[in-house]
N, C-alpha and C. Protein backbone atom coordinates (compact mmCIF):
# COMPACT_ATOMS: atom_id res chain seq x y z
N UNK A 1 -19.55 -69.75 33.94
CA UNK A 1 -18.60 -68.83 34.55
C UNK A 1 -17.61 -68.36 33.47
N UNK A 2 -17.45 -67.07 33.37
CA UNK A 2 -16.49 -66.50 32.42
C UNK A 2 -15.11 -66.50 33.07
N UNK A 3 -14.23 -67.28 32.53
CA UNK A 3 -12.89 -67.38 33.11
C UNK A 3 -11.85 -66.90 32.11
N UNK A 4 -12.23 -66.03 31.21
CA UNK A 4 -11.33 -65.57 30.17
C UNK A 4 -10.09 -64.91 30.78
N UNK A 5 -8.91 -65.47 30.52
CA UNK A 5 -7.68 -64.91 31.10
C UNK A 5 -7.18 -63.69 30.35
N UNK A 6 -6.46 -62.86 31.07
CA UNK A 6 -5.78 -61.72 30.46
C UNK A 6 -4.50 -62.23 29.80
N UNK A 7 -3.99 -61.51 28.81
CA UNK A 7 -2.77 -61.93 28.12
C UNK A 7 -1.57 -62.04 29.06
N UNK A 8 -1.60 -61.31 30.15
CA UNK A 8 -0.49 -61.36 31.12
C UNK A 8 -0.50 -62.64 31.95
N UNK A 9 -1.53 -63.48 31.79
CA UNK A 9 -1.68 -64.67 32.61
C UNK A 9 -1.13 -65.94 31.96
N UNK A 10 -0.50 -65.81 30.82
CA UNK A 10 0.04 -66.99 30.13
C UNK A 10 1.14 -66.57 29.16
N UNK A 11 1.95 -67.52 28.78
CA UNK A 11 3.04 -67.27 27.84
C UNK A 11 2.47 -67.03 26.43
N UNK A 12 3.10 -66.17 25.65
CA UNK A 12 2.60 -65.89 24.30
C UNK A 12 2.40 -67.14 23.44
N UNK A 13 3.19 -68.19 23.71
CA UNK A 13 3.07 -69.44 22.97
C UNK A 13 1.63 -69.97 22.98
N UNK A 14 0.90 -69.76 24.06
CA UNK A 14 -0.45 -70.30 24.21
C UNK A 14 -1.52 -69.46 23.54
N UNK A 15 -1.16 -68.30 23.01
CA UNK A 15 -2.16 -67.42 22.38
C UNK A 15 -2.92 -68.12 21.27
N UNK A 16 -2.23 -68.93 20.46
CA UNK A 16 -2.92 -69.59 19.36
C UNK A 16 -4.00 -70.54 19.87
N UNK A 17 -3.78 -71.17 21.02
CA UNK A 17 -4.80 -72.04 21.61
C UNK A 17 -5.96 -71.22 22.16
N UNK A 18 -5.62 -70.17 22.91
CA UNK A 18 -6.65 -69.37 23.56
C UNK A 18 -7.51 -68.61 22.56
N UNK A 19 -6.94 -68.25 21.42
CA UNK A 19 -7.71 -67.57 20.39
C UNK A 19 -8.80 -68.47 19.79
N UNK A 20 -8.66 -69.78 19.95
CA UNK A 20 -9.65 -70.72 19.43
C UNK A 20 -10.85 -70.90 20.36
N UNK A 21 -10.69 -70.53 21.61
CA UNK A 21 -11.75 -70.72 22.60
C UNK A 21 -12.70 -69.52 22.53
N UNK A 22 -13.88 -69.77 21.97
CA UNK A 22 -14.85 -68.69 21.75
C UNK A 22 -15.83 -68.51 22.90
N UNK A 23 -16.22 -69.62 23.52
CA UNK A 23 -17.21 -69.58 24.58
C UNK A 23 -16.53 -69.31 25.91
N UNK A 24 -16.99 -68.32 26.62
CA UNK A 24 -16.40 -67.98 27.91
C UNK A 24 -16.80 -68.97 29.01
N UNK A 25 -17.80 -69.82 28.74
CA UNK A 25 -18.23 -70.82 29.72
C UNK A 25 -17.38 -72.08 29.54
N UNK A 26 -16.33 -72.19 30.33
CA UNK A 26 -15.37 -73.29 30.18
C UNK A 26 -16.02 -74.65 30.43
N UNK A 27 -16.98 -74.72 31.32
CA UNK A 27 -17.64 -75.99 31.61
C UNK A 27 -18.41 -76.49 30.39
N UNK A 28 -19.13 -75.59 29.77
CA UNK A 28 -19.88 -75.94 28.55
C UNK A 28 -18.93 -76.33 27.43
N UNK A 29 -17.88 -75.56 27.25
CA UNK A 29 -16.90 -75.83 26.20
C UNK A 29 -16.29 -77.21 26.36
N UNK A 30 -15.80 -77.52 27.54
CA UNK A 30 -15.14 -78.81 27.78
C UNK A 30 -16.12 -79.98 27.67
N UNK A 31 -17.34 -79.79 28.13
CA UNK A 31 -18.35 -80.85 28.04
C UNK A 31 -18.73 -81.11 26.59
N UNK A 32 -18.95 -80.06 25.82
CA UNK A 32 -19.29 -80.22 24.40
C UNK A 32 -18.14 -80.83 23.62
N UNK A 33 -16.92 -80.45 23.94
CA UNK A 33 -15.76 -81.04 23.27
C UNK A 33 -15.71 -82.54 23.51
N UNK A 34 -15.97 -82.95 24.73
CA UNK A 34 -15.91 -84.36 25.07
C UNK A 34 -16.94 -85.15 24.25
N UNK A 35 -18.14 -84.65 24.18
CA UNK A 35 -19.19 -85.34 23.41
C UNK A 35 -18.83 -85.39 21.94
N UNK A 36 -18.33 -84.31 21.42
CA UNK A 36 -17.96 -84.24 20.01
C UNK A 36 -16.79 -85.17 19.68
N UNK A 37 -15.77 -85.18 20.52
CA UNK A 37 -14.61 -86.04 20.31
C UNK A 37 -15.04 -87.50 20.25
N UNK A 38 -15.85 -87.91 21.22
CA UNK A 38 -16.29 -89.30 21.26
C UNK A 38 -17.12 -89.65 20.03
N UNK A 39 -18.02 -88.77 19.65
CA UNK A 39 -18.89 -89.02 18.50
C UNK A 39 -18.09 -89.13 17.21
N UNK A 40 -17.16 -88.20 16.98
CA UNK A 40 -16.40 -88.19 15.74
C UNK A 40 -15.39 -89.33 15.65
N UNK A 41 -14.74 -89.63 16.74
CA UNK A 41 -13.65 -90.61 16.69
C UNK A 41 -14.14 -92.05 16.81
N UNK A 42 -15.32 -92.26 17.39
CA UNK A 42 -15.86 -93.63 17.47
C UNK A 42 -16.10 -94.20 16.09
N UNK A 43 -16.31 -93.35 15.10
CA UNK A 43 -16.59 -93.78 13.73
C UNK A 43 -15.35 -94.28 13.00
N UNK A 44 -14.18 -93.97 13.52
CA UNK A 44 -12.94 -94.32 12.83
C UNK A 44 -12.66 -95.82 12.89
N UNK A 45 -12.23 -96.36 11.79
CA UNK A 45 -11.75 -97.75 11.78
C UNK A 45 -10.32 -97.75 12.32
N UNK A 46 -9.80 -98.94 12.63
CA UNK A 46 -8.42 -99.03 13.10
C UNK A 46 -7.45 -98.48 12.06
N UNK A 47 -7.72 -98.79 10.79
CA UNK A 47 -6.86 -98.31 9.71
C UNK A 47 -6.88 -96.78 9.64
N UNK A 48 -8.05 -96.20 9.78
CA UNK A 48 -8.17 -94.74 9.75
C UNK A 48 -7.49 -94.11 10.97
N UNK A 49 -7.68 -94.71 12.13
CA UNK A 49 -7.10 -94.17 13.37
C UNK A 49 -5.58 -94.26 13.36
N UNK A 50 -5.03 -95.20 12.59
CA UNK A 50 -3.58 -95.36 12.49
C UNK A 50 -2.98 -94.51 11.38
N UNK A 51 -3.80 -93.78 10.64
CA UNK A 51 -3.35 -92.98 9.50
C UNK A 51 -2.43 -91.84 9.95
N UNK A 52 -1.37 -91.64 9.17
CA UNK A 52 -0.45 -90.50 9.32
C UNK A 52 -0.47 -89.74 7.99
N UNK A 53 -0.66 -88.45 8.04
CA UNK A 53 -0.74 -87.69 6.80
C UNK A 53 0.62 -87.47 6.15
N UNK A 54 1.68 -87.74 6.90
CA UNK A 54 3.04 -87.62 6.36
C UNK A 54 3.96 -88.49 7.22
N UNK A 55 5.08 -88.92 6.65
CA UNK A 55 6.03 -89.70 7.45
C UNK A 55 6.48 -88.91 8.69
N UNK A 56 6.69 -89.59 9.76
CA UNK A 56 7.14 -89.01 11.03
C UNK A 56 6.09 -88.15 11.73
N UNK A 57 4.89 -88.08 11.20
CA UNK A 57 3.81 -87.37 11.88
C UNK A 57 3.03 -88.36 12.73
N UNK A 58 2.38 -87.88 13.76
CA UNK A 58 1.61 -88.74 14.64
C UNK A 58 0.40 -89.30 13.92
N UNK A 59 -0.04 -90.47 14.34
CA UNK A 59 -1.30 -91.03 13.85
C UNK A 59 -2.44 -90.34 14.61
N UNK A 60 -3.66 -90.55 14.15
CA UNK A 60 -4.81 -90.00 14.87
C UNK A 60 -4.85 -90.57 16.29
N UNK A 61 -4.54 -91.85 16.44
CA UNK A 61 -4.49 -92.45 17.78
C UNK A 61 -3.50 -91.70 18.66
N UNK A 62 -2.35 -91.40 18.11
CA UNK A 62 -1.32 -90.70 18.88
C UNK A 62 -1.75 -89.27 19.22
N UNK A 63 -2.48 -88.63 18.33
CA UNK A 63 -2.99 -87.29 18.62
C UNK A 63 -3.97 -87.34 19.78
N UNK A 64 -4.87 -88.33 19.77
CA UNK A 64 -5.83 -88.46 20.86
C UNK A 64 -5.11 -88.74 22.19
N UNK A 65 -4.12 -89.62 22.15
CA UNK A 65 -3.33 -89.88 23.34
C UNK A 65 -2.60 -88.64 23.83
N UNK A 66 -2.06 -87.88 22.89
CA UNK A 66 -1.37 -86.63 23.23
C UNK A 66 -2.32 -85.63 23.88
N UNK A 67 -3.52 -85.51 23.36
CA UNK A 67 -4.50 -84.59 23.94
C UNK A 67 -4.77 -84.97 25.39
N UNK A 68 -4.96 -86.25 25.66
CA UNK A 68 -5.22 -86.70 27.03
C UNK A 68 -4.01 -86.48 27.93
N UNK A 69 -2.82 -86.83 27.44
CA UNK A 69 -1.60 -86.61 28.24
C UNK A 69 -1.43 -85.13 28.59
N UNK A 70 -1.60 -84.27 27.62
CA UNK A 70 -1.42 -82.84 27.85
C UNK A 70 -2.46 -82.31 28.82
N UNK A 71 -3.69 -82.80 28.70
CA UNK A 71 -4.73 -82.36 29.64
C UNK A 71 -4.37 -82.80 31.06
N UNK A 72 -3.84 -84.00 31.21
CA UNK A 72 -3.41 -84.46 32.54
C UNK A 72 -2.35 -83.53 33.12
N UNK A 73 -1.39 -83.16 32.30
CA UNK A 73 -0.30 -82.30 32.75
C UNK A 73 -0.83 -80.91 33.10
N UNK A 74 -1.66 -80.34 32.23
CA UNK A 74 -2.22 -79.01 32.49
C UNK A 74 -3.14 -79.04 33.70
N UNK A 75 -3.88 -80.12 33.89
CA UNK A 75 -4.74 -80.23 35.07
C UNK A 75 -3.92 -80.35 36.35
N UNK A 76 -2.80 -81.05 36.28
CA UNK A 76 -1.91 -81.12 37.45
C UNK A 76 -1.39 -79.73 37.79
N UNK A 77 -0.98 -79.00 36.77
CA UNK A 77 -0.51 -77.64 37.01
C UNK A 77 -1.62 -76.80 37.62
N UNK A 78 -2.82 -76.93 37.07
CA UNK A 78 -3.98 -76.18 37.54
C UNK A 78 -4.26 -76.52 39.01
N UNK A 79 -4.28 -77.79 39.34
CA UNK A 79 -4.49 -78.23 40.73
C UNK A 79 -3.39 -77.67 41.63
N UNK A 80 -2.16 -77.79 41.20
CA UNK A 80 -1.03 -77.33 42.01
C UNK A 80 -1.16 -75.85 42.34
N UNK A 81 -1.42 -75.04 41.34
CA UNK A 81 -1.48 -73.59 41.56
C UNK A 81 -2.74 -73.19 42.33
N UNK A 82 -3.86 -73.87 42.08
CA UNK A 82 -5.09 -73.58 42.82
C UNK A 82 -4.91 -73.89 44.31
N UNK A 83 -4.06 -74.86 44.61
CA UNK A 83 -3.82 -75.24 46.01
C UNK A 83 -2.65 -74.49 46.64
N UNK A 84 -2.10 -73.51 45.90
CA UNK A 84 -1.08 -72.65 46.47
C UNK A 84 0.35 -73.12 46.28
N UNK A 85 0.58 -74.06 45.40
CA UNK A 85 1.94 -74.55 45.15
C UNK A 85 2.83 -73.40 44.68
N UNK A 86 4.03 -73.33 45.26
CA UNK A 86 4.99 -72.30 44.87
C UNK A 86 6.21 -72.87 44.15
N UNK A 87 6.30 -74.19 44.09
CA UNK A 87 7.41 -74.83 43.38
C UNK A 87 7.24 -74.61 41.89
N UNK A 88 8.34 -74.31 41.22
CA UNK A 88 8.31 -74.17 39.76
C UNK A 88 8.13 -75.56 39.16
N UNK A 89 7.12 -75.71 38.32
CA UNK A 89 6.83 -77.01 37.70
C UNK A 89 7.56 -77.13 36.36
N UNK A 90 8.01 -78.34 36.05
CA UNK A 90 8.79 -78.52 34.81
C UNK A 90 7.93 -78.50 33.56
N UNK A 91 8.58 -78.34 32.43
CA UNK A 91 7.93 -78.53 31.15
C UNK A 91 7.96 -80.00 30.80
N UNK A 92 7.56 -80.33 29.60
CA UNK A 92 7.62 -81.71 29.14
C UNK A 92 7.81 -81.70 27.62
N UNK A 93 8.33 -82.78 27.11
CA UNK A 93 8.56 -82.91 25.68
C UNK A 93 7.47 -83.80 25.11
N UNK A 94 6.50 -83.19 24.44
CA UNK A 94 5.35 -83.95 23.94
C UNK A 94 5.75 -85.03 22.95
N UNK A 95 6.80 -84.81 22.18
CA UNK A 95 7.24 -85.83 21.22
C UNK A 95 7.79 -87.06 21.94
N UNK A 96 8.52 -86.84 23.01
CA UNK A 96 9.03 -87.97 23.80
C UNK A 96 7.88 -88.72 24.46
N UNK A 97 6.91 -87.99 24.98
CA UNK A 97 5.77 -88.64 25.62
C UNK A 97 5.04 -89.54 24.62
N UNK A 98 4.79 -89.04 23.42
CA UNK A 98 4.09 -89.85 22.42
C UNK A 98 4.96 -91.03 22.01
N UNK A 99 6.24 -90.80 21.81
CA UNK A 99 7.14 -91.87 21.41
C UNK A 99 7.21 -92.97 22.48
N UNK A 100 7.19 -92.58 23.74
CA UNK A 100 7.29 -93.55 24.84
C UNK A 100 5.96 -94.22 25.17
N UNK A 101 4.86 -93.66 24.69
CA UNK A 101 3.54 -94.25 24.94
C UNK A 101 3.28 -95.36 23.92
N UNK A 102 2.27 -96.11 24.17
CA UNK A 102 1.91 -97.19 23.25
C UNK A 102 0.55 -96.91 22.61
N UNK A 103 0.31 -95.66 22.29
CA UNK A 103 -0.99 -95.29 21.73
C UNK A 103 -1.30 -96.07 20.47
N UNK A 104 -0.30 -96.33 19.65
CA UNK A 104 -0.52 -97.03 18.38
C UNK A 104 -0.99 -98.46 18.58
N UNK A 105 -0.75 -99.04 19.75
CA UNK A 105 -1.17 -100.43 20.00
C UNK A 105 -2.54 -100.50 20.68
N UNK A 106 -3.07 -99.35 21.08
CA UNK A 106 -4.35 -99.33 21.78
C UNK A 106 -5.49 -99.16 20.79
N UNK A 107 -6.65 -99.64 21.16
CA UNK A 107 -7.83 -99.46 20.31
C UNK A 107 -8.31 -98.02 20.43
N UNK A 108 -9.03 -97.58 19.44
CA UNK A 108 -9.61 -96.24 19.48
C UNK A 108 -10.57 -96.14 20.67
N UNK A 109 -11.27 -97.23 20.96
CA UNK A 109 -12.21 -97.24 22.10
C UNK A 109 -11.46 -97.02 23.42
N UNK A 110 -10.32 -97.69 23.59
CA UNK A 110 -9.54 -97.52 24.82
C UNK A 110 -8.98 -96.10 24.93
N UNK A 111 -8.52 -95.57 23.83
CA UNK A 111 -8.00 -94.19 23.84
C UNK A 111 -9.10 -93.19 24.18
N UNK A 112 -10.29 -93.40 23.65
CA UNK A 112 -11.41 -92.51 23.96
C UNK A 112 -11.87 -92.67 25.40
N UNK A 113 -11.79 -93.89 25.92
CA UNK A 113 -12.14 -94.11 27.33
C UNK A 113 -11.16 -93.37 28.24
N UNK A 114 -9.89 -93.43 27.91
CA UNK A 114 -8.87 -92.70 28.67
C UNK A 114 -9.11 -91.20 28.58
N UNK A 115 -9.32 -90.71 27.38
CA UNK A 115 -9.60 -89.28 27.17
C UNK A 115 -10.80 -88.85 28.01
N UNK A 116 -11.87 -89.65 27.99
CA UNK A 116 -13.10 -89.31 28.72
C UNK A 116 -12.85 -89.28 30.23
N UNK A 117 -12.09 -90.24 30.73
CA UNK A 117 -11.77 -90.26 32.16
C UNK A 117 -10.98 -89.01 32.56
N UNK A 118 -10.03 -88.64 31.73
CA UNK A 118 -9.24 -87.44 32.02
C UNK A 118 -10.15 -86.21 32.00
N UNK A 119 -11.01 -86.11 31.00
CA UNK A 119 -11.89 -84.93 30.90
C UNK A 119 -12.86 -84.86 32.07
N UNK A 120 -13.45 -85.98 32.48
CA UNK A 120 -14.33 -85.96 33.65
C UNK A 120 -13.56 -85.49 34.89
N UNK A 121 -12.35 -85.96 35.04
CA UNK A 121 -11.53 -85.56 36.17
C UNK A 121 -11.26 -84.06 36.14
N UNK A 122 -10.95 -83.55 34.96
CA UNK A 122 -10.70 -82.11 34.82
C UNK A 122 -11.95 -81.31 35.18
N UNK A 123 -13.10 -81.74 34.69
CA UNK A 123 -14.34 -81.03 34.98
C UNK A 123 -14.65 -81.04 36.47
N UNK A 124 -14.44 -82.18 37.13
CA UNK A 124 -14.67 -82.24 38.58
C UNK A 124 -13.72 -81.31 39.33
N UNK A 125 -12.48 -81.27 38.90
CA UNK A 125 -11.51 -80.36 39.52
C UNK A 125 -11.96 -78.91 39.36
N UNK A 126 -12.34 -78.55 38.15
CA UNK A 126 -12.77 -77.17 37.90
C UNK A 126 -14.00 -76.80 38.72
N UNK A 127 -14.93 -77.74 38.86
CA UNK A 127 -16.14 -77.49 39.66
C UNK A 127 -15.81 -77.26 41.13
N UNK A 128 -14.69 -77.78 41.59
CA UNK A 128 -14.32 -77.65 43.00
C UNK A 128 -13.67 -76.31 43.34
N UNK A 129 -13.33 -75.54 42.32
CA UNK A 129 -12.62 -74.28 42.56
C UNK A 129 -13.55 -73.18 43.03
N UNK A 130 -13.05 -72.33 43.92
CA UNK A 130 -13.81 -71.13 44.27
C UNK A 130 -13.30 -69.97 43.42
N UNK A 131 -13.95 -68.84 43.49
CA UNK A 131 -13.61 -67.72 42.61
C UNK A 131 -12.17 -67.24 42.77
N UNK A 132 -11.65 -67.27 43.96
CA UNK A 132 -10.27 -66.83 44.19
C UNK A 132 -9.27 -67.78 43.53
N UNK A 133 -9.60 -69.07 43.51
CA UNK A 133 -8.69 -70.06 42.93
C UNK A 133 -8.41 -69.80 41.46
N UNK A 134 -9.40 -69.35 40.72
CA UNK A 134 -9.25 -69.13 39.27
C UNK A 134 -8.16 -68.11 38.95
N UNK A 135 -7.90 -67.19 39.88
CA UNK A 135 -6.93 -66.12 39.63
C UNK A 135 -5.53 -66.44 40.14
N UNK A 136 -5.38 -67.54 40.85
CA UNK A 136 -4.06 -67.91 41.37
C UNK A 136 -3.11 -68.23 40.23
N UNK A 137 -1.81 -68.01 40.49
CA UNK A 137 -0.80 -68.21 39.45
C UNK A 137 0.37 -69.02 39.98
N UNK A 138 1.12 -69.56 39.05
CA UNK A 138 2.33 -70.27 39.37
C UNK A 138 3.25 -70.24 38.17
N UNK A 139 4.35 -70.95 38.27
CA UNK A 139 5.31 -70.99 37.16
C UNK A 139 5.46 -72.44 36.71
N UNK A 140 5.26 -72.64 35.42
CA UNK A 140 5.43 -73.95 34.80
C UNK A 140 6.17 -73.76 33.49
N UNK A 141 7.12 -74.63 33.23
CA UNK A 141 7.89 -74.54 32.00
C UNK A 141 8.51 -73.15 31.83
N UNK A 142 8.99 -72.60 32.93
CA UNK A 142 9.68 -71.30 32.97
C UNK A 142 8.80 -70.09 32.67
N UNK A 143 7.48 -70.26 32.71
CA UNK A 143 6.57 -69.15 32.43
C UNK A 143 5.46 -69.08 33.47
N UNK A 144 5.06 -67.87 33.77
CA UNK A 144 3.93 -67.68 34.68
C UNK A 144 2.63 -68.03 33.98
N UNK A 145 1.71 -68.63 34.75
CA UNK A 145 0.41 -69.00 34.18
C UNK A 145 -0.62 -69.03 35.30
N UNK A 146 -1.84 -68.60 34.99
CA UNK A 146 -2.90 -68.62 35.99
C UNK A 146 -3.74 -69.88 35.85
N UNK A 147 -4.49 -70.16 36.89
CA UNK A 147 -5.39 -71.31 36.89
C UNK A 147 -6.41 -71.17 35.76
N UNK A 148 -7.00 -69.99 35.60
CA UNK A 148 -8.01 -69.85 34.54
C UNK A 148 -7.40 -69.93 33.15
N UNK A 149 -6.16 -69.50 33.00
CA UNK A 149 -5.50 -69.66 31.71
C UNK A 149 -5.28 -71.14 31.41
N UNK A 150 -4.89 -71.91 32.41
CA UNK A 150 -4.68 -73.35 32.20
C UNK A 150 -5.97 -74.04 31.76
N UNK A 151 -7.09 -73.66 32.35
CA UNK A 151 -8.38 -74.25 31.94
C UNK A 151 -8.66 -73.92 30.47
N UNK A 152 -8.43 -72.69 30.08
CA UNK A 152 -8.66 -72.29 28.69
C UNK A 152 -7.64 -72.94 27.74
N UNK A 153 -6.42 -73.12 28.20
CA UNK A 153 -5.39 -73.79 27.39
C UNK A 153 -5.81 -75.23 27.10
N UNK A 154 -6.37 -75.91 28.09
CA UNK A 154 -6.84 -77.28 27.89
C UNK A 154 -7.86 -77.31 26.74
N UNK A 155 -8.82 -76.41 26.78
CA UNK A 155 -9.84 -76.36 25.73
C UNK A 155 -9.24 -75.98 24.39
N UNK A 156 -8.39 -74.97 24.37
CA UNK A 156 -7.79 -74.52 23.12
C UNK A 156 -6.84 -75.53 22.52
N UNK A 157 -6.11 -76.24 23.35
CA UNK A 157 -5.19 -77.27 22.87
C UNK A 157 -5.96 -78.35 22.12
N UNK A 158 -7.07 -78.79 22.70
CA UNK A 158 -7.88 -79.80 22.00
C UNK A 158 -8.43 -79.24 20.69
N UNK A 159 -8.95 -78.03 20.70
CA UNK A 159 -9.48 -77.43 19.47
C UNK A 159 -8.41 -77.35 18.39
N UNK A 160 -7.20 -77.00 18.79
CA UNK A 160 -6.07 -76.93 17.85
C UNK A 160 -5.85 -78.28 17.18
N UNK A 161 -5.77 -79.34 17.98
CA UNK A 161 -5.50 -80.66 17.41
C UNK A 161 -6.69 -81.23 16.66
N UNK A 162 -7.89 -80.91 17.07
CA UNK A 162 -9.07 -81.38 16.33
C UNK A 162 -9.13 -80.71 14.96
N UNK A 163 -8.71 -79.47 14.88
CA UNK A 163 -8.66 -78.77 13.59
C UNK A 163 -7.61 -79.43 12.68
N UNK A 164 -6.48 -79.80 13.25
CA UNK A 164 -5.44 -80.50 12.47
C UNK A 164 -5.96 -81.86 12.00
N UNK A 165 -6.66 -82.58 12.87
CA UNK A 165 -7.22 -83.87 12.46
C UNK A 165 -8.16 -83.67 11.26
N UNK A 166 -9.02 -82.67 11.32
CA UNK A 166 -9.95 -82.41 10.21
C UNK A 166 -9.20 -82.03 8.93
N UNK A 167 -8.27 -81.06 9.07
CA UNK A 167 -7.61 -80.50 7.89
C UNK A 167 -6.56 -81.40 7.27
N UNK A 168 -5.73 -82.02 8.08
CA UNK A 168 -4.58 -82.76 7.55
C UNK A 168 -4.79 -84.27 7.48
N UNK A 169 -5.71 -84.77 8.25
CA UNK A 169 -5.96 -86.21 8.25
C UNK A 169 -7.22 -86.53 7.45
N UNK A 170 -8.36 -86.12 7.96
CA UNK A 170 -9.63 -86.49 7.35
C UNK A 170 -9.81 -85.93 5.94
N UNK A 171 -9.22 -84.79 5.66
CA UNK A 171 -9.34 -84.16 4.33
C UNK A 171 -8.21 -84.57 3.39
N UNK A 172 -7.30 -85.40 3.86
CA UNK A 172 -6.18 -85.84 3.02
C UNK A 172 -6.69 -86.75 1.90
N UNK A 173 -6.12 -86.58 0.73
CA UNK A 173 -6.47 -87.45 -0.40
C UNK A 173 -6.13 -88.91 -0.14
N UNK A 174 -5.18 -89.16 0.74
CA UNK A 174 -4.76 -90.53 1.02
C UNK A 174 -5.39 -91.11 2.30
N UNK A 175 -6.34 -90.38 2.90
CA UNK A 175 -7.03 -90.90 4.08
C UNK A 175 -7.85 -92.13 3.70
N UNK A 176 -7.68 -93.24 4.42
CA UNK A 176 -8.42 -94.48 4.08
C UNK A 176 -9.93 -94.28 4.18
N UNK A 177 -10.65 -94.85 3.26
CA UNK A 177 -12.11 -94.74 3.28
C UNK A 177 -12.75 -95.73 4.25
N UNK A 178 -12.02 -96.79 4.56
CA UNK A 178 -12.54 -97.77 5.53
C UNK A 178 -11.44 -98.20 6.49
């Protein structure tokens, strides 16, 4: 199903995420991302998963936790608007969420299990939507957003962070080899 949102369906801030989503089939995109994330991150040692490319930057574990947290939040927004919610939903501070979480104490396996559970839940939610639901809108974090934009934001947000993991973590000269 092509759920490509119009620019009027999301805040300009999300354009960088949506520009990364090439496949109009959101189900295929999200399913392939899940398989790829699990395959790539299962290979990481604890030392590698705890790596930070600079002081005060998140570790790879924290990035994975952040991806799952953000997907949960975006999926809640998506569910709310698909079900006709008219209440304005709040924003969130991703830095506070990561700081308050214990991602650094969790194993990479546990973080990937959490991520997978969230992704399966998102996919089931998306499969339950009818065509009218995809076009419904609401307000979150002081901006209007459609259900289909939220689905694409979930995919683009992960792509954004996976690109950062590749470029700034895995390609870093100081990335641990084991």
